PDB file of N, CA and C in Angstrom:
ATOM      1  N   MET A   1      10.264  -8.254 -41.044  1.00  0.00           N
ATOM      2  CA  MET A   1       9.822  -8.043 -40.323  1.00  0.00           C
ATOM      3  C   MET A   1      10.802  -7.551 -38.979  1.00  0.00           C
ATOM      4  N   SER A   2      10.720  -5.629 -39.070  1.00  0.00           N
ATOM      5  CA  SER A   2      12.027  -4.506 -39.016  1.00  0.00           C
ATOM      6  C   SER A   2      11.467  -4.119 -36.841  1.00  0.00           C
ATOM      7  N   ARG A   3      13.221  -4.569 -36.523  1.00  0.00           N
ATOM      8  CA  ARG A   3      13.026  -4.195 -35.108  1.00  0.00           C
ATOM      9  C   ARG A   3      13.614  -2.719 -35.153  1.00  0.00           C
ATOM     10  N   GLN A   4      13.006  -1.902 -34.494  1.00  0.00           N
ATOM     11  CA  GLN A   4      13.229  -0.582 -33.633  1.00  0.00           C
ATOM     12  C   GLN A   4      14.178  -1.308 -32.657  1.00  0.00           C
ATOM     13  N   PRO A   5      14.653  -0.201 -32.476  1.00  0.00           N
ATOM     14  CA  PRO A   5      16.132   0.309 -31.978  1.00  0.00           C
ATOM     15  C   PRO A   5      15.494   0.215 -30.175  1.00  0.00           C
ATOM     16  N   SER A   6      15.695  -0.308 -29.385  1.00  0.00           N
ATOM     17  CA  SER A   6      15.811  -0.341 -28.331  1.00  0.00           C
ATOM     18  C   SER A   6      16.186   1.179 -27.935  1.00  0.00           C
ATOM     19  N   ASP A   7      15.166   1.800 -26.565  1.00  0.00           N
ATOM     20  CA  ASP A   7      15.135   2.245 -26.025  1.00  0.00           C
ATOM     21  C   ASP A   7      15.536   2.752 -24.683  1.00  0.00           C
ATOM     22  N   SER A   8      15.176   3.384 -23.794  1.00  0.00           N
ATOM     23  CA  SER A   8      15.699   3.468 -22.799  1.00  0.00           C
ATOM     24  C   SER A   8      13.827   2.919 -22.179  1.00  0.00           C
ATOM     25  N   GLY A   9      12.581   2.808 -22.597  1.00  0.00           N
ATOM     26  CA  GLY A   9      11.514   3.544 -22.139  1.00  0.00           C
ATOM     27  C   GLY A   9      11.373   1.429 -21.798  1.00  0.00           C
ATOM     28  N   ASP A  10      12.110   0.241 -22.264  1.00  0.00           N
ATOM     29  CA  ASP A  10      12.316  -0.873 -22.869  1.00  0.00           C
ATOM     30  C   ASP A  10      12.812  -1.353 -21.622  1.00  0.00           C
ATOM     31  N   THR A  11      13.789  -0.169 -21.280  1.00  0.00           N
ATOM     32  CA  THR A  11      14.872  -1.155 -20.387  1.00  0.00           C
ATOM     33  C   THR A  11      14.563  -1.303 -19.539  1.00  0.00           C
ATOM     34  N   LEU A  12      13.256   0.074 -18.926  1.00  0.00           N
ATOM     35  CA  LEU A  12      12.528   0.507 -17.580  1.00  0.00           C
ATOM     36  C   LEU A  12      11.943  -0.939 -17.216  1.00  0.00           C
ATOM     37  N   VAL A  13      10.689  -0.461 -18.097  1.00  0.00           N
ATOM     38  CA  VAL A  13      10.013  -2.362 -18.222  1.00  0.00           C
ATOM     39  C   VAL A  13      10.492  -2.887 -17.470  1.00  0.00           C
ATOM     40  N   ARG A  14      11.619  -3.142 -18.727  1.00  0.00           N
ATOM     41  CA  ARG A  14      12.206  -4.349 -18.138  1.00  0.00           C
ATOM     42  C   ARG A  14      12.469  -4.045 -16.308  1.00  0.00           C
ATOM     43  N   VAL A  15      13.726  -3.320 -16.199  1.00  0.00           N
ATOM     44  CA  VAL A  15      13.992  -3.506 -15.309  1.00  0.00           C
ATOM     45  C   VAL A  15      13.006  -3.364 -13.640  1.00  0.00           C
ATOM     46  N   GLY A  16      12.357  -2.542 -14.078  1.00  0.00           N
ATOM     47  CA  GLY A  16      10.314  -2.737 -13.213  1.00  0.00           C
ATOM     48  C   GLY A  16       9.645  -3.961 -13.434  1.00  0.00           C
ATOM     49  N   GLY A  17       9.901  -4.777 -14.410  1.00  0.00           N
ATOM     50  CA  GLY A  17       8.931  -5.562 -14.385  1.00  0.00           C
ATOM     51  C   GLY A  17      10.437  -6.778 -13.411  1.00  0.00           C
ATOM     52  N   VAL A  18      11.776  -7.026 -12.947  1.00  0.00           N
ATOM     53  CA  VAL A  18      12.848  -7.310 -12.159  1.00  0.00           C
ATOM     54  C   VAL A  18      12.113  -6.956 -10.531  1.00  0.00           C
ATOM     55  N   VAL A  19      12.213  -5.605 -10.483  1.00  0.00           N
ATOM     56  CA  VAL A  19      12.554  -5.227  -9.550  1.00  0.00           C
ATOM     57  C   VAL A  19      10.697  -4.908  -8.707  1.00  0.00           C
ATOM     58  N   PHE A  20       9.578  -5.568  -9.775  1.00  0.00           N
ATOM     59  CA  PHE A  20       7.823  -5.768  -9.035  1.00  0.00           C
ATOM     60  C   PHE A  20       8.101  -7.813  -8.547  1.00  0.00           C
ATOM     61  N   ALA A  21       9.268  -8.528  -9.103  1.00  0.00           N
ATOM     62  CA  ALA A  21       8.622  -9.525  -9.195  1.00  0.00           C
ATOM     63  C   ALA A  21      10.074  -9.656  -7.747  1.00  0.00           C
ATOM     64  N   LEU A  22      11.512  -9.559  -7.275  1.00  0.00           N
ATOM     65  CA  LEU A  22      11.789  -9.332  -6.447  1.00  0.00           C
ATOM     66  C   LEU A  22      11.020  -8.815  -4.495  1.00  0.00           C
ATOM     67  N   GLY A  23      10.143  -7.164  -5.171  1.00  0.00           N
ATOM     68  CA  GLY A  23       9.083  -7.029  -4.753  1.00  0.00           C
ATOM     69  C   GLY A  23       8.019  -8.432  -4.122  1.00  0.00           C
ATOM     70  N   ALA A  24       7.464  -9.023  -4.421  1.00  0.00           N
ATOM     71  CA  ALA A  24       6.011  -9.635  -4.294  1.00  0.00           C
ATOM     72  C   ALA A  24       6.657 -11.208  -4.700  1.00  0.00           C
ATOM     73  N   LEU A  25       8.603 -11.410  -4.064  1.00  0.00           N
ATOM     74  CA  LEU A  25       8.770 -12.768  -4.206  1.00  0.00           C
ATOM     75  C   LEU A  25       8.865 -12.610  -2.282  1.00  0.00           C
ATOM     76  N   ALA A  26       9.329 -11.081  -1.880  1.00  0.00           N
ATOM     77  CA  ALA A  26       9.292 -10.210  -0.979  1.00  0.00           C
ATOM     78  C   ALA A  26       8.485 -10.616   0.055  1.00  0.00           C
ATOM     79  N   THR A  27       7.480  -9.813  -0.884  1.00  0.00           N
ATOM     80  CA  THR A  27       6.057  -9.972   0.290  1.00  0.00           C
ATOM     81  C   THR A  27       5.156 -11.252   1.234  1.00  0.00           C
ATOM     82  N   LEU A  28       6.000 -13.085   0.048  1.00  0.00           N
ATOM     83  CA  LEU A  28       5.754 -13.906  -0.275  1.00  0.00           C
ATOM     84  C   LEU A  28       6.293 -14.477   1.108  1.00  0.00           C
ATOM     85  N   VAL A  29       7.442 -14.154   1.469  1.00  0.00           N
ATOM     86  CA  VAL A  29       8.629 -14.050   1.656  1.00  0.00           C
ATOM     87  C   VAL A  29       7.871 -14.089   3.342  1.00  0.00           C
ATOM     88  N   THR A  30       7.401 -12.673   3.349  1.00  0.00           N
ATOM     89  CA  THR A  30       7.295 -12.114   5.362  1.00  0.00           C
ATOM     90  C   THR A  30       5.789 -12.456   5.768  1.00  0.00           C
ATOM     91  N   PHE A  31       4.827 -12.959   5.082  1.00  0.00           N
ATOM     92  CA  PHE A  31       3.664 -13.550   5.511  1.00  0.00           C
ATOM     93  C   PHE A  31       3.203 -15.063   5.740  1.00  0.00           C
ATOM     94  N   VAL A  32       4.703 -15.720   5.132  1.00  0.00           N
ATOM     95  CA  VAL A  32       5.630 -16.903   6.049  1.00  0.00           C
ATOM     96  C   VAL A  32       5.535 -17.725   7.509  1.00  0.00           C
ATOM     97  N   PRO A  33       5.835 -16.101   8.697  1.00  0.00           N
ATOM     98  CA  PRO A  33       6.109 -16.228   9.505  1.00  0.00           C
ATOM     99  C   PRO A  33       4.184 -16.605  10.270  1.00  0.00           C
ATOM    100  N   TYR A  34       3.828 -15.480   9.133  1.00  0.00           N
ATOM    101  CA  TYR A  34       1.963 -15.364   9.620  1.00  0.00           C
ATOM    102  C   TYR A  34       1.336 -16.468  10.146  1.00  0.00           C
ATOM    103  N   ALA A  35       1.216 -17.296   8.324  1.00  0.00           N
ATOM    104  CA  ALA A  35       0.688 -18.572   7.754  1.00  0.00           C
ATOM    105  C   ALA A  35       0.883 -20.069   9.408  1.00  0.00           C
ATOM    106  N   PHE A  36       2.468 -19.670   9.248  1.00  0.00           N
ATOM    107  CA  PHE A  36       3.029 -21.049   9.977  1.00  0.00           C
ATOM    108  C   PHE A  36       3.052 -20.667  10.905  1.00  0.00           C
ATOM    109  N   ASP A  37       2.382 -19.589  12.016  1.00  0.00           N
ATOM    110  CA  ASP A  37       3.015 -18.869  13.363  1.00  0.00           C
ATOM    111  C   ASP A  37       4.373 -19.133  13.939  1.00  0.00           C
ATOM    112  N   LEU A  38       4.662 -18.651  13.406  1.00  0.00           N
ATOM    113  CA  LEU A  38       6.644 -18.764  13.427  1.00  0.00           C
ATOM    114  C   LEU A  38       6.962 -17.194  14.196  1.00  0.00           C
ATOM    115  N   ALA A  39       8.354 -16.975  13.842  1.00  0.00           N
ATOM    116  CA  ALA A  39       8.834 -15.241  15.189  1.00  0.00           C
ATOM    117  C   ALA A  39       8.782 -15.188  13.394  1.00  0.00           C
ATOM    118  N   ARG A  40       8.704 -13.706  14.139  1.00  0.00           N
ATOM    119  CA  ARG A  40       8.388 -12.950  12.624  1.00  0.00           C
ATOM    120  C   ARG A  40      10.086 -11.718  11.929  1.00  0.00           C
ATOM    121  N   PHE A  41      10.478 -12.141  11.270  1.00  0.00           N
ATOM    122  CA  PHE A  41      11.524 -11.360   9.902  1.00  0.00           C
ATOM    123  C   PHE A  41      11.443  -9.936  10.732  1.00  0.00           C
ATOM    124  N   PRO A  42      13.070  -9.967  10.958  1.00  0.00           N
ATOM    125  CA  PRO A  42      13.549  -7.897  10.852  1.00  0.00           C
ATOM    126  C   PRO A  42      12.522  -6.744   9.874  1.00  0.00           C
ATOM    127  N   ALA A  43      13.264  -5.591   9.577  1.00  0.00           N
ATOM    128  CA  ALA A  43      12.358  -5.229  10.076  1.00  0.00           C
ATOM    129  C   ALA A  43      12.886  -4.659   8.381  1.00  0.00           C
ATOM    130  N   THR A  44      14.038  -4.742   7.970  1.00  0.00           N
ATOM    131  CA  THR A  44      14.159  -5.590   6.633  1.00  0.00           C
ATOM    132  C   THR A  44      13.534  -5.933   5.615  1.00  0.00           C
ATOM    133  N   ALA A  45      13.316  -6.835   5.813  1.00  0.00           N
ATOM    134  CA  ALA A  45      12.806  -8.183   5.203  1.00  0.00           C
ATOM    135  C   ALA A  45      10.915  -7.666   4.352  1.00  0.00           C
ATOM    136  N   TYR A  46      10.715  -6.649   5.149  1.00  0.00           N
ATOM    137  CA  TYR A  46       9.419  -5.654   5.196  1.00  0.00           C
ATOM    138  C   TYR A  46       9.640  -4.455   4.320  1.00  0.00           C
ATOM    139  N   TRP A  47      10.091  -4.139   4.169  1.00  0.00           N
ATOM    140  CA  TRP A  47      11.616  -2.803   3.884  1.00  0.00           C
ATOM    141  C   TRP A  47      11.245  -4.351   2.816  1.00  0.00           C
ATOM    142  N   LEU A  48      11.508  -4.015   2.025  1.00  0.00           N
ATOM    143  CA  LEU A  48      12.027  -5.909   0.939  1.00  0.00           C
ATOM    144  C   LEU A  48      10.651  -5.236   0.480  1.00  0.00           C
ATOM    145  N   SER A  49       9.419  -5.777   1.181  1.00  0.00           N
ATOM    146  CA  SER A  49       8.303  -5.910   0.271  1.00  0.00           C
ATOM    147  C   SER A  49       7.853  -4.471  -0.490  1.00  0.00           C
ATOM    148  N   MET A  50       8.722  -3.056   0.180  1.00  0.00           N
ATOM    149  CA  MET A  50       8.358  -2.437  -1.187  1.00  0.00           C
ATOM    150  C   MET A  50       9.027  -1.992  -1.582  1.00  0.00           C
ATOM    151  N   LEU A  51       8.944  -3.170  -2.746  1.00  0.00           N
ATOM    152  CA  LEU A  51       9.864  -3.193  -4.133  1.00  0.00           C
ATOM    153  C   LEU A  51       9.123  -2.834  -4.951  1.00  0.00           C
ATOM    154  N   MET A  52       7.931  -3.482  -4.158  1.00  0.00           N
ATOM    155  CA  MET A  52       6.236  -4.436  -5.200  1.00  0.00           C
ATOM    156  C   MET A  52       6.093  -3.256  -6.032  1.00  0.00           C
ATOM    157  N   PRO A  53       5.251  -2.337  -5.776  1.00  0.00           N
ATOM    158  CA  PRO A  53       4.953  -1.143  -5.441  1.00  0.00           C
ATOM    159  C   PRO A  53       6.531   0.100  -6.356  1.00  0.00           C
ATOM    160  N   ALA A  54       7.889   0.210  -6.062  1.00  0.00           N
ATOM    161  CA  ALA A  54       8.045   1.335  -6.964  1.00  0.00           C
ATOM    162  C   ALA A  54       8.798   0.559  -8.514  1.00  0.00           C
ATOM    163  N   GLY A  55       8.939  -1.268  -8.142  1.00  0.00           N
ATOM    164  CA  GLY A  55       8.754  -1.916  -9.552  1.00  0.00           C
ATOM    165  C   GLY A  55       7.726  -1.344 -10.408  1.00  0.00           C
ATOM    166  N   LEU A  56       6.604  -1.464  -9.640  1.00  0.00           N
ATOM    167  CA  LEU A  56       5.519  -1.037 -10.655  1.00  0.00           C
ATOM    168  C   LEU A  56       5.487   0.152 -11.287  1.00  0.00           C
ATOM    169  N   LEU A  57       6.419   1.714 -10.502  1.00  0.00           N
ATOM    170  CA  LEU A  57       6.524   2.289 -10.454  1.00  0.00           C
ATOM    171  C   LEU A  57       7.324   2.369 -11.667  1.00  0.00           C
ATOM    172  N   VAL A  58       8.538   2.217 -11.650  1.00  0.00           N
ATOM    173  CA  VAL A  58       9.104   2.574 -12.329  1.00  0.00           C
ATOM    174  C   VAL A  58       8.813   2.215 -14.495  1.00  0.00           C
ATOM    175  N   SER A  59       8.575   0.953 -13.502  1.00  0.00           N
ATOM    176  CA  SER A  59       7.514   0.089 -14.932  1.00  0.00           C
ATOM    177  C   SER A  59       6.294   1.801 -15.933  1.00  0.00           C
ATOM    178  N   LEU A  60       6.233   1.701 -14.849  1.00  0.00           N
ATOM    179  CA  LEU A  60       4.592   1.964 -15.133  1.00  0.00           C
ATOM    180  C   LEU A  60       5.809   4.185 -16.163  1.00  0.00           C
ATOM    181  N   LEU A  61       6.668   4.260 -15.601  1.00  0.00           N
ATOM    182  CA  LEU A  61       7.502   5.277 -16.426  1.00  0.00           C
ATOM    183  C   LEU A  61       8.051   4.405 -17.180  1.00  0.00           C
ATOM    184  N   GLY A  62       7.965   3.482 -17.293  1.00  0.00           N
ATOM    185  CA  GLY A  62       9.764   3.642 -18.925  1.00  0.00           C
ATOM    186  C   GLY A  62       8.886   2.758 -19.529  1.00  0.00           C
ATOM    187  N   LEU A  63       6.804   2.615 -20.245  1.00  0.00           N
ATOM    188  CA  LEU A  63       5.504   2.720 -20.692  1.00  0.00           C
ATOM    189  C   LEU A  63       5.512   4.409 -21.242  1.00  0.00           C
ATOM    190  N   LEU A  64       5.563   5.030 -19.905  1.00  0.00           N
ATOM    191  CA  LEU A  64       5.399   6.643 -20.437  1.00  0.00           C
ATOM    192  C   LEU A  64       6.648   7.487 -21.789  1.00  0.00           C
ATOM    193  N   ALA A  65       7.531   6.874 -20.856  1.00  0.00           N
ATOM    194  CA  ALA A  65       9.010   7.454 -21.566  1.00  0.00           C
ATOM    195  C   ALA A  65       8.862   6.058 -23.415  1.00  0.00           C
ATOM    196  N   GLY A  66       8.488   5.214 -23.247  1.00  0.00           N
ATOM    197  CA  GLY A  66       8.240   4.181 -24.530  1.00  0.00           C
ATOM    198  C   GLY A  66       7.347   5.036 -25.663  1.00  0.00           C
ATOM    199  N   ALA A  67       6.884   5.555 -24.907  1.00  0.00           N
ATOM    200  CA  ALA A  67       4.989   5.991 -25.893  1.00  0.00           C
ATOM    201  C   ALA A  67       5.283   7.121 -26.564  1.00  0.00           C
ATOM    202  N   ARG A  68       6.484   8.475 -25.265  1.00  0.00           N
ATOM    203  CA  ARG A  68       6.403   9.193 -25.642  1.00  0.00           C
ATOM    204  C   ARG A  68       7.776   9.300 -26.960  1.00  0.00           C
ATOM    205  N   ALA A  69       8.451   8.605 -26.310  1.00  0.00           N
ATOM    206  CA  ALA A  69       9.613   8.292 -27.519  1.00  0.00           C
ATOM    207  C   ALA A  69       9.192   7.987 -28.805  1.00  0.00           C
ATOM    208  N   GLN A  70       8.242   7.383 -29.448  1.00  0.00           N
ATOM    209  CA  GLN A  70       7.359   6.805 -30.565  1.00  0.00           C
ATOM    210  C   GLN A  70       6.107   6.828 -30.761  1.00  0.00           C
ATOM    211  N   SER A  71       5.650   8.493 -29.976  1.00  0.00           N
ATOM    212  CA  SER A  71       5.572  10.025 -31.021  1.00  0.00           C
ATOM    213  C   SER A  71       5.863  10.650 -31.709  1.00  0.00           C
ATOM    214  N   ARG A  72       7.144  10.605 -30.519  1.00  0.00           N
ATOM    215  CA  ARG A  72       8.613  11.828 -31.108  1.00  0.00           C
ATOM    216  C   ARG A  72       9.017  10.624 -32.685  1.00  0.00           C
ATOM    217  N   ARG A  73       8.574   9.160 -32.841  1.00  0.00           N
ATOM    218  CA  ARG A  73       9.614   9.631 -34.843  1.00  0.00           C
ATOM    219  C   ARG A  73       8.095   9.430 -35.641  1.00  0.00           C
ATOM    220  N   ARG A  74       7.008   9.186 -34.942  1.00  0.00           N
ATOM    221  CA  ARG A  74       6.271   8.448 -35.756  1.00  0.00           C
ATOM    222  C   ARG A  74       5.796  10.364 -35.915  1.00  0.00           C
ATOM    223  N   ARG A  75       6.093  11.335 -35.260  1.00  0.00           N
ATOM    224  CA  ARG A  75       6.189  12.222 -35.333  1.00  0.00           C
ATOM    225  C   ARG A  75       6.757  13.008 -36.468  1.00  0.00           C
ATOM    226  N   ALA A  76       8.426  12.491 -36.171  1.00  0.00           N
ATOM    227  CA  ALA A  76       9.785  13.108 -37.828  1.00  0.00           C
ATOM    228  C   ALA A  76       9.463  12.374 -38.349  1.00  0.00           C
ATOM    229  N   ALA A  77       8.822  11.361 -38.430  1.00  0.00           N
ATOM    230  CA  ALA A  77       8.397  10.293 -40.208  1.00  0.00           C
ATOM    231  C   ALA A  77       7.002  11.503 -40.767  1.00  0.00           C
ATOM    232  N   ARG A  78       6.658  11.775 -40.366  1.00  0.00           N
ATOM    233  CA  ARG A  78       4.688  12.630 -41.307  1.00  0.00           C
ATOM    234  C   ARG A  78       6.013  13.859 -41.660  1.00  0.00           C
ATOM    235  N   GLU A  79       6.119  14.276 -40.770  1.00  0.00           N
ATOM    236  CA  GLU A  79       7.149  15.461 -41.260  1.00  0.00           C
ATOM    237  C   GLU A  79       8.480  15.649 -42.022  1.00  0.00           C
ATOM    238  N   ALA A  80       8.812  14.789 -42.331  1.00  0.00           N
ATOM    239  CA  ALA A  80      10.229  14.526 -43.091  1.00  0.00           C
ATOM    240  C   ALA A  80       9.860  14.177 -44.539  1.00  0.00           C
ATOM    241  N   ALA A  81       8.023  13.114 -44.444  1.00  0.00           N
ATOM    242  CA  ALA A  81       7.296  12.531 -45.335  1.00  0.00           C
ATOM    243  C   ALA A  81       6.616  13.700 -46.265  1.00  0.00           C
ATOM    244  N   SER A  82       5.853  14.830 -45.378  1.00  0.00           N
ATOM    245  CA  SER A  82       5.718  16.028 -45.409  1.00  0.00           C
ATOM    246  C   SER A  82       6.724  16.820 -46.379  1.00  0.00           C
ATOM    247  N   ALA A  83       8.185  16.816 -46.074  1.00  0.00           N
ATOM    248  CA  ALA A  83       8.672  17.960 -46.344  1.00  0.00           C
ATOM    249  C   ALA A  83       9.458  17.236 -48.376  1.00  0.00           C
ATOM    250  N   ALA A  84       8.976  16.015 -48.374  1.00  0.00           N
ATOM    251  CA  ALA A  84       9.943  15.584 -49.267  1.00  0.00           C
ATOM    252  C   ALA A  84       8.856  15.353 -50.339  1.00  0.00           C
ATOM    253  N   GLY A  85       7.801  14.892 -49.631  1.00  0.00           N
ATOM    254  CA  GLY A  85       6.160  15.101 -51.019  1.00  0.00           C
ATOM    255  C   GLY A  85       5.600  16.458 -50.951  1.00  0.00           C
TER     256      GLY A  85
END
């Protein structure tokens, strides 16, 4: 099984996943005071919840970058095969 080299698209998807997970955790934590009728968290906690859509955006950009890189590799292989044959 051949392993393709890891490109920046794969890295962006991984980083986006981590950022998304942190944002999801922050979102869950900010809902705890509402569920148990506690004092609200400071505004910073709510801003950390914005990491979830930011992580999704980074992952989607990574998927797009990976697809473009794969398309370039496939096109280069096709051109090399047509030049050799």
